[in-house]
Amino acid sequence: MAYAIAFAQSVRKQLLTLTARERTRVSDAIEEQLSHQSLVETKHRKVLRPNPIGPSELRAGYFRAFDDVAVDEPDTVWIRAVGRKRGNKLYFGGQEIRL
């Protein structure tokens, strides 16, 4: 089953804080990993403990994309946040976020 990819409004602002090369890397990873089997755990995708951002995480190098497949839209993967991981800290749009 192919999934449509949708971005939350806040993600667009977060992506603008990345360079064009970084945006391409994140976009390519999202398309490759989430468009066909978004509910399957892989080496780069895992389900997280309950948190306010999203139930699962996609890793692309030191970038993280938090996503969700909504119950009312089972054929759409919503990207809720995109950020950068530095050590054990996570940054969205340049601001540190604690999970």
PDB file of N, CA and C in Angstrom:
ATOM      1  N   MET A   1       0.833  -1.182   0.000  1.00  0.00           N
ATOM      2  CA  MET A   1       0.000   0.000   0.000  1.00  0.00           C
ATOM      3  C   MET A   1       0.876   1.244   0.000  1.00  0.00           C
ATOM      4  N   ALA A   2       0.589   2.164  -0.870  1.00  0.00           N
ATOM      5  CA  ALA A   2       1.329   3.423  -0.933  1.00  0.00           C
ATOM      6  C   ALA A   2       0.658   4.448  -0.026  1.00  0.00           C
ATOM      7  N   TYR A   3       1.461   5.170   0.707  1.00  0.00           N
ATOM      8  CA  TYR A   3       0.963   6.194   1.618  1.00  0.00           C
ATOM      9  C   TYR A   3       1.250   7.574   1.042  1.00  0.00           C
ATOM     10  N   ALA A   4       0.333   8.476   1.239  1.00  0.00           N
ATOM     11  CA  ALA A   4       0.564   9.880   0.900  1.00  0.00           C
ATOM     12  C   ALA A   4       1.339  10.505   2.058  1.00  0.00           C
ATOM     13  N   ILE A   5       2.209  11.432   1.753  1.00  0.00           N
ATOM     14  CA  ILE A   5       2.998  12.118   2.775  1.00  0.00           C
ATOM     15  C   ILE A   5       2.448  13.531   2.918  1.00  0.00           C
ATOM     16  N   ALA A   6       2.119  13.919   4.149  1.00  0.00           N
ATOM     17  CA  ALA A   6       1.620  15.266   4.438  1.00  0.00           C
ATOM     18  C   ALA A   6       2.467  15.863   5.561  1.00  0.00           C
ATOM     19  N   PHE A   7       2.682  17.158   5.474  1.00  0.00           N
ATOM     20  CA  PHE A   7       3.508  17.852   6.464  1.00  0.00           C
ATOM     21  C   PHE A   7       2.657  18.797   7.288  1.00  0.00           C
ATOM     22  N   ALA A   8       2.875  18.778   8.602  1.00  0.00           N
ATOM     23  CA  ALA A   8       2.224  19.748   9.483  1.00  0.00           C
ATOM     24  C   ALA A   8       2.784  21.131   9.151  1.00  0.00           C
ATOM     25  N   GLN A   9       2.017  22.167   9.412  1.00  0.00           N
ATOM     26  CA  GLN A   9       2.438  23.534   9.099  1.00  0.00           C
ATOM     27  C   GLN A   9       3.760  23.882   9.794  1.00  0.00           C
ATOM     28  N   SER A  10       3.963  23.435  11.013  1.00  0.00           N
ATOM     29  CA  SER A  10       5.188  23.748  11.752  1.00  0.00           C
ATOM     30  C   SER A  10       6.422  23.125  11.105  1.00  0.00           C
ATOM     31  N   VAL A  11       6.250  22.027  10.387  1.00  0.00           N
ATOM     32  CA  VAL A  11       7.388  21.355   9.750  1.00  0.00           C
ATOM     33  C   VAL A  11       7.971  22.221   8.644  1.00  0.00           C
ATOM     34  N   ARG A  12       7.131  22.913   7.945  1.00  0.00           N
ATOM     35  CA  ARG A  12       7.631  23.781   6.866  1.00  0.00           C
ATOM     36  C   ARG A  12       8.600  24.828   7.418  1.00  0.00           C
ATOM     37  N   LYS A  13       8.287  25.389   8.570  1.00  0.00           N
ATOM     38  CA  LYS A  13       9.181  26.362   9.209  1.00  0.00           C
ATOM     39  C   LYS A  13      10.465  25.684   9.687  1.00  0.00           C
ATOM     40  N   GLN A  14      10.335  24.469  10.216  1.00  0.00           N
ATOM     41  CA  GLN A  14      11.503  23.731  10.689  1.00  0.00           C
ATOM     42  C   GLN A  14      12.432  23.389   9.532  1.00  0.00           C
ATOM     43  N   LEU A  15      11.873  23.030   8.390  1.00  0.00           N
ATOM     44  CA  LEU A  15      12.696  22.692   7.233  1.00  0.00           C
ATOM     45  C   LEU A  15      13.463  23.905   6.714  1.00  0.00           C
ATOM     46  N   LEU A  16      12.915  25.101   6.883  1.00  0.00           N
ATOM     47  CA  LEU A  16      13.601  26.302   6.417  1.00  0.00           C
ATOM     48  C   LEU A  16      14.865  26.604   7.218  1.00  0.00           C
ATOM     49  N   THR A  17      15.002  26.033   8.417  1.00  0.00           N
ATOM     50  CA  THR A  17      16.215  26.240   9.215  1.00  0.00           C
ATOM     51  C   THR A  17      17.353  25.339   8.742  1.00  0.00           C
ATOM     52  N   LEU A  18      17.048  24.373   7.865  1.00  0.00           N
ATOM     53  CA  LEU A  18      18.059  23.464   7.329  1.00  0.00           C
ATOM     54  C   LEU A  18      18.594  24.009   6.011  1.00  0.00           C
ATOM     55  N   THR A  19      19.809  23.591   5.657  1.00  0.00           N
ATOM     56  CA  THR A  19      20.353  23.963   4.352  1.00  0.00           C
ATOM     57  C   THR A  19      19.618  23.166   3.273  1.00  0.00           C
ATOM     58  N   ALA A  20      19.776  23.576   2.028  1.00  0.00           N
ATOM     59  CA  ALA A  20      19.124  22.872   0.917  1.00  0.00           C
ATOM     60  C   ALA A  20      19.575  21.416   0.864  1.00  0.00           C
ATOM     61  N   ARG A  21      20.827  21.166   1.097  1.00  0.00           N
ATOM     62  CA  ARG A  21      21.348  19.797   1.091  1.00  0.00           C
ATOM     63  C   ARG A  21      20.721  18.958   2.209  1.00  0.00           C
ATOM     64  N   GLU A  22      20.586  19.551   3.396  1.00  0.00           N
ATOM     65  CA  GLU A  22      19.974  18.843   4.518  1.00  0.00           C
ATOM     66  C   GLU A  22      18.498  18.566   4.251  1.00  0.00           C
ATOM     67  N   ARG A  23      17.786  19.538   3.690  1.00  0.00           N
ATOM     68  CA  ARG A  23      16.365  19.335   3.342  1.00  0.00           C
ATOM     69  C   ARG A  23      16.206  18.197   2.345  1.00  0.00           C
ATOM     70  N   THR A  24      17.104  18.132   1.366  1.00  0.00           N
ATOM     71  CA  THR A  24      17.056  17.057   0.381  1.00  0.00           C
ATOM     72  C   THR A  24      17.285  15.709   1.044  1.00  0.00           C
ATOM     73  N   ARG A  25      18.231  15.638   1.955  1.00  0.00           N
ATOM     74  CA  ARG A  25      18.509  14.377   2.648  1.00  0.00           C
ATOM     75  C   ARG A  25      17.296  13.916   3.450  1.00  0.00           C
ATOM     76  N   VAL A  26      16.683  14.832   4.173  1.00  0.00           N
ATOM     77  CA  VAL A  26      15.508  14.494   4.981  1.00  0.00           C
ATOM     78  C   VAL A  26      14.335  14.114   4.079  1.00  0.00           C
ATOM     79  N   SER A  27      14.093  14.882   3.048  1.00  0.00           N
ATOM     80  CA  SER A  27      12.979  14.607   2.127  1.00  0.00           C
ATOM     81  C   SER A  27      13.145  13.257   1.440  1.00  0.00           C
ATOM     82  N   ASP A  28      14.364  12.956   0.999  1.00  0.00           N
ATOM     83  CA  ASP A  28      14.617  11.667   0.354  1.00  0.00           C
ATOM     84  C   ASP A  28      14.379  10.507   1.314  1.00  0.00           C
ATOM     85  N   ALA A  29      14.824  10.662   2.562  1.00  0.00           N
ATOM     86  CA  ALA A  29      14.621   9.606   3.558  1.00  0.00           C
ATOM     87  C   ALA A  29      13.133   9.412   3.855  1.00  0.00           C
ATOM     88  N   ILE A  30      12.400  10.494   3.962  1.00  0.00           N
ATOM     89  CA  ILE A  30      10.962  10.408   4.220  1.00  0.00           C
ATOM     90  C   ILE A  30      10.272   9.679   3.069  1.00  0.00           C
ATOM     91  N   GLU A  31      10.585  10.067   1.858  1.00  0.00           N
ATOM     92  CA  GLU A  31       9.967   9.442   0.686  1.00  0.00           C
ATOM     93  C   GLU A  31      10.321   7.955   0.594  1.00  0.00           C
ATOM     94  N   GLU A  32      11.585   7.639   0.807  1.00  0.00           N
ATOM     95  CA  GLU A  32      12.043   6.256   0.682  1.00  0.00           C
ATOM     96  C   GLU A  32      11.500   5.357   1.787  1.00  0.00           C
ATOM     97  N   GLN A  33      11.519   5.835   3.010  1.00  0.00           N
ATOM     98  CA  GLN A  33      11.180   5.000   4.157  1.00  0.00           C
ATOM     99  C   GLN A  33       9.698   4.975   4.508  1.00  0.00           C
ATOM    100  N   LEU A  34       8.966   6.043   4.220  1.00  0.00           N
ATOM    101  CA  LEU A  34       7.595   6.143   4.717  1.00  0.00           C
ATOM    102  C   LEU A  34       6.514   6.016   3.656  1.00  0.00           C
ATOM    103  N   SER A  35       6.854   6.099   2.387  1.00  0.00           N
ATOM    104  CA  SER A  35       5.808   6.098   1.373  1.00  0.00           C
ATOM    105  C   SER A  35       5.219   4.717   1.103  1.00  0.00           C
ATOM    106  N   HIS A  36       5.901   3.638   1.491  1.00  0.00           N
ATOM    107  CA  HIS A  36       5.382   2.298   1.185  1.00  0.00           C
ATOM    108  C   HIS A  36       5.063   1.460   2.423  1.00  0.00           C
ATOM    109  N   GLN A  37       5.938   1.429   3.389  1.00  0.00           N
ATOM    110  CA  GLN A  37       5.709   0.606   4.579  1.00  0.00           C
ATOM    111  C   GLN A  37       5.933   1.445   5.833  1.00  0.00           C
ATOM    112  N   SER A  38       5.103   2.425   6.022  1.00  0.00           N
ATOM    113  CA  SER A  38       5.334   3.376   7.111  1.00  0.00           C
ATOM    114  C   SER A  38       5.061   2.798   8.493  1.00  0.00           C
ATOM    115  N   LEU A  39       4.367   1.690   8.594  1.00  0.00           N
ATOM    116  CA  LEU A  39       4.058   1.109   9.894  1.00  0.00           C
ATOM    117  C   LEU A  39       5.037   0.013  10.310  1.00  0.00           C
ATOM    118  N   VAL A  40       6.006  -0.294   9.464  1.00  0.00           N
ATOM    119  CA  VAL A  40       6.969  -1.363   9.736  1.00  0.00           C
ATOM    120  C   VAL A  40       8.216  -0.772  10.388  1.00  0.00           C
ATOM    121  N   GLU A  41       8.644  -1.360  11.517  1.00  0.00           N
ATOM    122  CA  GLU A  41       9.879  -0.915  12.160  1.00  0.00           C
ATOM    123  C   GLU A  41      11.061  -1.417  11.354  1.00  0.00           C
ATOM    124  N   THR A  42      12.054  -0.547  11.168  1.00  0.00           N
ATOM    125  CA  THR A  42      13.273  -0.897  10.450  1.00  0.00           C
ATOM    126  C   THR A  42      14.470  -0.373  11.228  1.00  0.00           C
ATOM    127  N   LYS A  43      15.634  -0.498  10.618  1.00  0.00           N
ATOM    128  CA  LYS A  43      16.861   0.015  11.233  1.00  0.00           C
ATOM    129  C   LYS A  43      16.777   1.528  11.454  1.00  0.00           C
ATOM    130  N   HIS A  44      16.083   2.232  10.568  1.00  0.00           N
ATOM    131  CA  HIS A  44      16.010   3.689  10.641  1.00  0.00           C
ATOM    132  C   HIS A  44      14.674   4.208  11.156  1.00  0.00           C
ATOM    133  N   ARG A  45      13.756   3.325  11.478  1.00  0.00           N
ATOM    134  CA  ARG A  45      12.414   3.737  11.905  1.00  0.00           C
ATOM    135  C   ARG A  45      12.009   2.942  13.125  1.00  0.00           C
ATOM    136  N   LYS A  46      11.541   3.640  14.152  1.00  0.00           N
ATOM    137  CA  LYS A  46      11.115   2.933  15.362  1.00  0.00           C
ATOM    138  C   LYS A  46       9.929   3.629  16.011  1.00  0.00           C
ATOM    139  N   VAL A  47       9.181   2.841  16.758  1.00  0.00           N
ATOM    140  CA  VAL A  47       8.054   3.360  17.529  1.00  0.00           C
ATOM    141  C   VAL A  47       8.607   3.855  18.861  1.00  0.00           C
ATOM    142  N   LEU A  48       8.120   5.005  19.298  1.00  0.00           N
ATOM    143  CA  LEU A  48       8.621   5.632  20.523  1.00  0.00           C
ATOM    144  C   LEU A  48       7.663   5.464  21.688  1.00  0.00           C
ATOM    145  N   ARG A  49       8.182   5.744  22.868  1.00  0.00           N
ATOM    146  CA  ARG A  49       7.305   5.844  24.039  1.00  0.00           C
ATOM    147  C   ARG A  49       6.364   7.019  23.811  1.00  0.00           C
ATOM    148  N   PRO A  50       5.237   7.043  24.489  1.00  0.00           N
ATOM    149  CA  PRO A  50       4.316   8.179  24.320  1.00  0.00           C
ATOM    150  C   PRO A  50       5.034   9.509  24.575  1.00  0.00           C
ATOM    151  N   ASN A  51       4.840  10.441  23.644  1.00  0.00           N
ATOM    152  CA  ASN A  51       5.436  11.770  23.756  1.00  0.00           C
ATOM    153  C   ASN A  51       4.533  12.751  23.021  1.00  0.00           C
ATOM    154  N   PRO A  52       4.717  14.044  23.239  1.00  0.00           N
ATOM    155  CA  PRO A  52       3.818  15.037  22.632  1.00  0.00           C
ATOM    156  C   PRO A  52       4.063  15.302  21.146  1.00  0.00           C
ATOM    157  N   ILE A  53       5.123  14.764  20.565  1.00  0.00           N
ATOM    158  CA  ILE A  53       5.460  15.098  19.188  1.00  0.00           C
ATOM    159  C   ILE A  53       4.886  14.099  18.190  1.00  0.00           C
ATOM    160  N   GLY A  54       5.186  12.828  18.356  1.00  0.00           N
ATOM    161  CA  GLY A  54       4.701  11.818  17.418  1.00  0.00           C
ATOM    162  C   GLY A  54       5.034  10.428  17.902  1.00  0.00           C
ATOM    163  N   PRO A  55       4.262   9.434  17.486  1.00  0.00           N
ATOM    164  CA  PRO A  55       4.455   8.086  17.994  1.00  0.00           C
ATOM    165  C   PRO A  55       5.626   7.324  17.382  1.00  0.00           C
ATOM    166  N   SER A  56       6.163   7.792  16.262  1.00  0.00           N
ATOM    167  CA  SER A  56       7.299   7.083  15.677  1.00  0.00           C
ATOM    168  C   SER A  56       8.309   8.073  15.110  1.00  0.00           C
ATOM    169  N   GLU A  57       9.541   7.552  14.939  1.00  0.00           N
ATOM    170  CA  GLU A  57      10.659   8.397  14.546  1.00  0.00           C
ATOM    171  C   GLU A  57      11.389   7.764  13.374  1.00  0.00           C
ATOM    172  N   LEU A  58      11.743   8.594  12.407  1.00  0.00           N
ATOM    173  CA  LEU A  58      12.574   8.176  11.287  1.00  0.00           C
ATOM    174  C   LEU A  58      13.921   8.853  11.448  1.00  0.00           C
ATOM    175  N   ARG A  59      14.996   8.063  11.368  1.00  0.00           N
ATOM    176  CA  ARG A  59      16.345   8.602  11.500  1.00  0.00           C
ATOM    177  C   ARG A  59      17.016   8.679  10.135  1.00  0.00           C
ATOM    178  N   ALA A  60      17.588   9.808   9.825  1.00  0.00           N
ATOM    179  CA  ALA A  60      18.363  10.017   8.601  1.00  0.00           C
ATOM    180  C   ALA A  60      19.644  10.726   9.004  1.00  0.00           C
ATOM    181  N   GLY A  61      20.665   9.972   9.339  1.00  0.00           N
ATOM    182  CA  GLY A  61      21.891  10.565   9.865  1.00  0.00           C
ATOM    183  C   GLY A  61      21.602  11.201  11.207  1.00  0.00           C
ATOM    184  N   TYR A  62      21.935  12.467  11.369  1.00  0.00           N
ATOM    185  CA  TYR A  62      21.632  13.138  12.637  1.00  0.00           C
ATOM    186  C   TYR A  62      20.337  13.938  12.572  1.00  0.00           C
ATOM    187  N   PHE A  63      19.514  13.660  11.588  1.00  0.00           N
ATOM    188  CA  PHE A  63      18.194  14.283  11.482  1.00  0.00           C
ATOM    189  C   PHE A  63      17.127  13.307  11.947  1.00  0.00           C
ATOM    190  N   ARG A  64      16.049  13.849  12.497  1.00  0.00           N
ATOM    191  CA  ARG A  64      14.931  13.035  12.964  1.00  0.00           C
ATOM    192  C   ARG A  64      13.638  13.607  12.407  1.00  0.00           C
ATOM    193  N   ALA A  65      12.773  12.724  11.942  1.00  0.00           N
ATOM    194  CA  ALA A  65      11.439  13.112  11.487  1.00  0.00           C
ATOM    195  C   ALA A  65      10.440  12.310  12.317  1.00  0.00           C
ATOM    196  N   PHE A  66       9.555  12.992  13.000  1.00  0.00           N
ATOM    197  CA  PHE A  66       8.533  12.343  13.812  1.00  0.00           C
ATOM    198  C   PHE A  66       7.249  12.290  12.997  1.00  0.00           C
ATOM    199  N   ASP A  67       6.680  11.103  12.918  1.00  0.00           N
ATOM    200  CA  ASP A  67       5.519  10.923  12.047  1.00  0.00           C
ATOM    201  C   ASP A  67       4.406  10.163  12.744  1.00  0.00           C
ATOM    202  N   ASP A  68       3.238  10.178  12.079  1.00  0.00           N
ATOM    203  CA  ASP A  68       2.036   9.570  12.635  1.00  0.00           C
ATOM    204  C   ASP A  68       1.116   9.168  11.482  1.00  0.00           C
ATOM    205  N   VAL A  69       0.504   7.994  11.596  1.00  0.00           N
ATOM    206  CA  VAL A  69      -0.550   7.595  10.663  1.00  0.00           C
ATOM    207  C   VAL A  69      -1.850   7.713  11.445  1.00  0.00           C
ATOM    208  N   ALA A  70      -2.651   8.699  11.090  1.00  0.00           N
ATOM    209  CA  ALA A  70      -3.882   8.978  11.828  1.00  0.00           C
ATOM    210  C   ALA A  70      -4.934   7.902  11.564  1.00  0.00           C
ATOM    211  N   VAL A  71      -5.750   7.623  12.559  1.00  0.00           N
ATOM    212  CA  VAL A  71      -6.804   6.623  12.446  1.00  0.00           C
ATOM    213  C   VAL A  71      -7.835   7.038  11.396  1.00  0.00           C
ATOM    214  N   ASP A  72      -8.168   8.317  11.348  1.00  0.00           N
ATOM    215  CA  ASP A  72      -9.181   8.778  10.399  1.00  0.00           C
ATOM    216  C   ASP A  72      -8.640   8.941   8.970  1.00  0.00           C
ATOM    217  N   GLU A  73      -7.300   8.901   8.800  1.00  0.00           N
ATOM    218  CA  GLU A  73      -6.672   8.957   7.478  1.00  0.00           C
ATOM    219  C   GLU A  73      -5.609   7.860   7.389  1.00  0.00           C
ATOM    220  N   PRO A  74      -6.025   6.593   7.290  1.00  0.00           N
ATOM    221  CA  PRO A  74      -5.057   5.495   7.344  1.00  0.00           C
ATOM    222  C   PRO A  74      -4.130   5.408   6.136  1.00  0.00           C
ATOM    223  N   ASP A  75      -4.393   6.150   5.082  1.00  0.00           N
ATOM    224  CA  ASP A  75      -3.529   6.104   3.907  1.00  0.00           C
ATOM    225  C   ASP A  75      -2.592   7.310   3.814  1.00  0.00           C
ATOM    226  N   THR A  76      -2.504   8.108   4.891  1.00  0.00           N
ATOM    227  CA  THR A  76      -1.657   9.302   4.909  1.00  0.00           C
ATOM    228  C   THR A  76      -0.713   9.265   6.099  1.00  0.00           C
ATOM    229  N   VAL A  77       0.551   9.519   5.833  1.00  0.00           N
ATOM    230  CA  VAL A  77       1.557   9.644   6.890  1.00  0.00           C
ATOM    231  C   VAL A  77       1.765  11.134   7.129  1.00  0.00           C
ATOM    232  N   TRP A  78       1.519  11.568   8.356  1.00  0.00           N
ATOM    233  CA  TRP A  78       1.700  12.971   8.727  1.00  0.00           C
ATOM    234  C   TRP A  78       3.064  13.150   9.366  1.00  0.00           C
ATOM    235  N   ILE A  79       3.873  14.035   8.816  1.00  0.00           N
ATOM    236  CA  ILE A  79       5.152  14.384   9.409  1.00  0.00           C
ATOM    237  C   ILE A  79       4.868  15.506  10.395  1.00  0.00           C
ATOM    238  N   ARG A  80       5.073  15.227  11.685  1.00  0.00           N
ATOM    239  CA  ARG A  80       4.726  16.181  12.745  1.00  0.00           C
ATOM    240  C   ARG A  80       5.867  17.121  13.116  1.00  0.00           C
ATOM    241  N   ALA A  81       7.120  16.664  12.948  1.00  0.00           N
ATOM    242  CA  ALA A  81       8.266  17.505  13.300  1.00  0.00           C
ATOM    243  C   ALA A  81       9.509  16.961  12.617  1.00  0.00           C
ATOM    244  N   VAL A  82      10.420  17.859  12.269  1.00  0.00           N
ATOM    245  CA  VAL A  82      11.717  17.497  11.700  1.00  0.00           C
ATOM    246  C   VAL A  82      12.762  18.282  12.464  1.00  0.00           C
ATOM    247  N   GLY A  83      13.771  17.568  12.946  1.00  0.00           N
ATOM    248  CA  GLY A  83      14.792  18.238  13.732  1.00  0.00           C
ATOM    249  C   GLY A  83      16.148  17.602  13.585  1.00  0.00           C
ATOM    250  N   ARG A  84      17.080  18.134  14.351  1.00  0.00           N
ATOM    251  CA  ARG A  84      18.470  17.688  14.317  1.00  0.00           C
ATOM    252  C   ARG A  84      18.834  17.151  15.698  1.00  0.00           C
ATOM    253  N   LYS A  85      19.520  16.031  15.720  1.00  0.00           N
ATOM    254  CA  LYS A  85      19.962  15.424  16.977  1.00  0.00           C
ATOM    255  C   LYS A  85      21.439  15.723  17.157  1.00  0.00           C
ATOM    256  N   ARG A  86      21.783  16.277  18.304  1.00  0.00           N
ATOM    257  CA  ARG A  86      23.176  16.538  18.668  1.00  0.00           C
ATOM    258  C   ARG A  86      23.417  15.912  20.024  1.00  0.00           C
ATOM    259  N   GLY A  87      24.199  14.847  20.045  1.00  0.00           N
ATOM    260  CA  GLY A  87      24.415  14.123  21.297  1.00  0.00           C
ATOM    261  C   GLY A  87      23.101  13.544  21.768  1.00  0.00           C
ATOM    262  N   ASN A  88      22.694  13.879  22.968  1.00  0.00           N
ATOM    263  CA  ASN A  88      21.408  13.407  23.466  1.00  0.00           C
ATOM    264  C   ASN A  88      20.352  14.524  23.473  1.00  0.00           C
ATOM    265  N   LYS A  89      20.585  15.565  22.682  1.00  0.00           N
ATOM    266  CA  LYS A  89      19.642  16.677  22.607  1.00  0.00           C
ATOM    267  C   LYS A  89      19.020  16.741  21.216  1.00  0.00           C
ATOM    268  N   LEU A  90      17.766  17.162  21.177  1.00  0.00           N
ATOM    269  CA  LEU A  90      17.015  17.246  19.942  1.00  0.00           C
ATOM    270  C   LEU A  90      16.595  18.689  19.717  1.00  0.00           C
ATOM    271  N   TYR A  91      16.836  19.203  18.503  1.00  0.00           N
ATOM    272  CA  TYR A  91      16.540  20.596  18.182  1.00  0.00           C
ATOM    273  C   TYR A  91      15.556  20.664  17.020  1.00  0.00           C
ATOM    274  N   PHE A  92      14.488  21.432  17.198  1.00  0.00           N
ATOM    275  CA  PHE A  92      13.515  21.701  16.149  1.00  0.00           C
ATOM    276  C   PHE A  92      13.532  23.192  15.878  1.00  0.00           C
ATOM    277  N   GLY A  93      13.859  23.580  14.668  1.00  0.00           N
ATOM    278  CA  GLY A  93      13.894  25.002  14.338  1.00  0.00           C
ATOM    279  C   GLY A  93      14.888  25.764  15.187  1.00  0.00           C
ATOM    280  N   GLY A  94      15.969  25.118  15.612  1.00  0.00           N
ATOM    281  CA  GLY A  94      16.991  25.781  16.417  1.00  0.00           C
ATOM    282  C   GLY A  94      16.724  25.788  17.906  1.00  0.00           C
ATOM    283  N   GLN A  95      15.559  25.311  18.344  1.00  0.00           N
ATOM    284  CA  GLN A  95      15.243  25.289  19.771  1.00  0.00           C
ATOM    285  C   GLN A  95      15.278  23.862  20.300  1.00  0.00           C
ATOM    286  N   GLU A  96      15.891  23.692  21.481  1.00  0.00           N
ATOM    287  CA  GLU A  96      15.968  22.371  22.086  1.00  0.00           C
ATOM    288  C   GLU A  96      14.600  21.932  22.594  1.00  0.00           C
ATOM    289  N   ILE A  97      14.255  20.685  22.317  1.00  0.00           N
ATOM    290  CA  ILE A  97      13.001  20.100  22.755  1.00  0.00           C
ATOM    291  C   ILE A  97      13.316  18.874  23.602  1.00  0.00           C
ATOM    292  N   ARG A  98      12.665  18.760  24.722  1.00  0.00           N
ATOM    293  CA  ARG A  98      12.837  17.584  25.590  1.00  0.00           C
ATOM    294  C   ARG A  98      11.651  16.663  25.422  1.00  0.00           C
ATOM    295  N   LEU A  99      11.961  15.397  25.232  1.00  0.00           N
ATOM    296  CA  LEU A  99      10.883  14.408  25.086  1.00  0.00           C
ATOM    297  C   LEU A  99      10.602  13.729  26.406  1.00  0.00           C
TER     298      LEU A  99
END
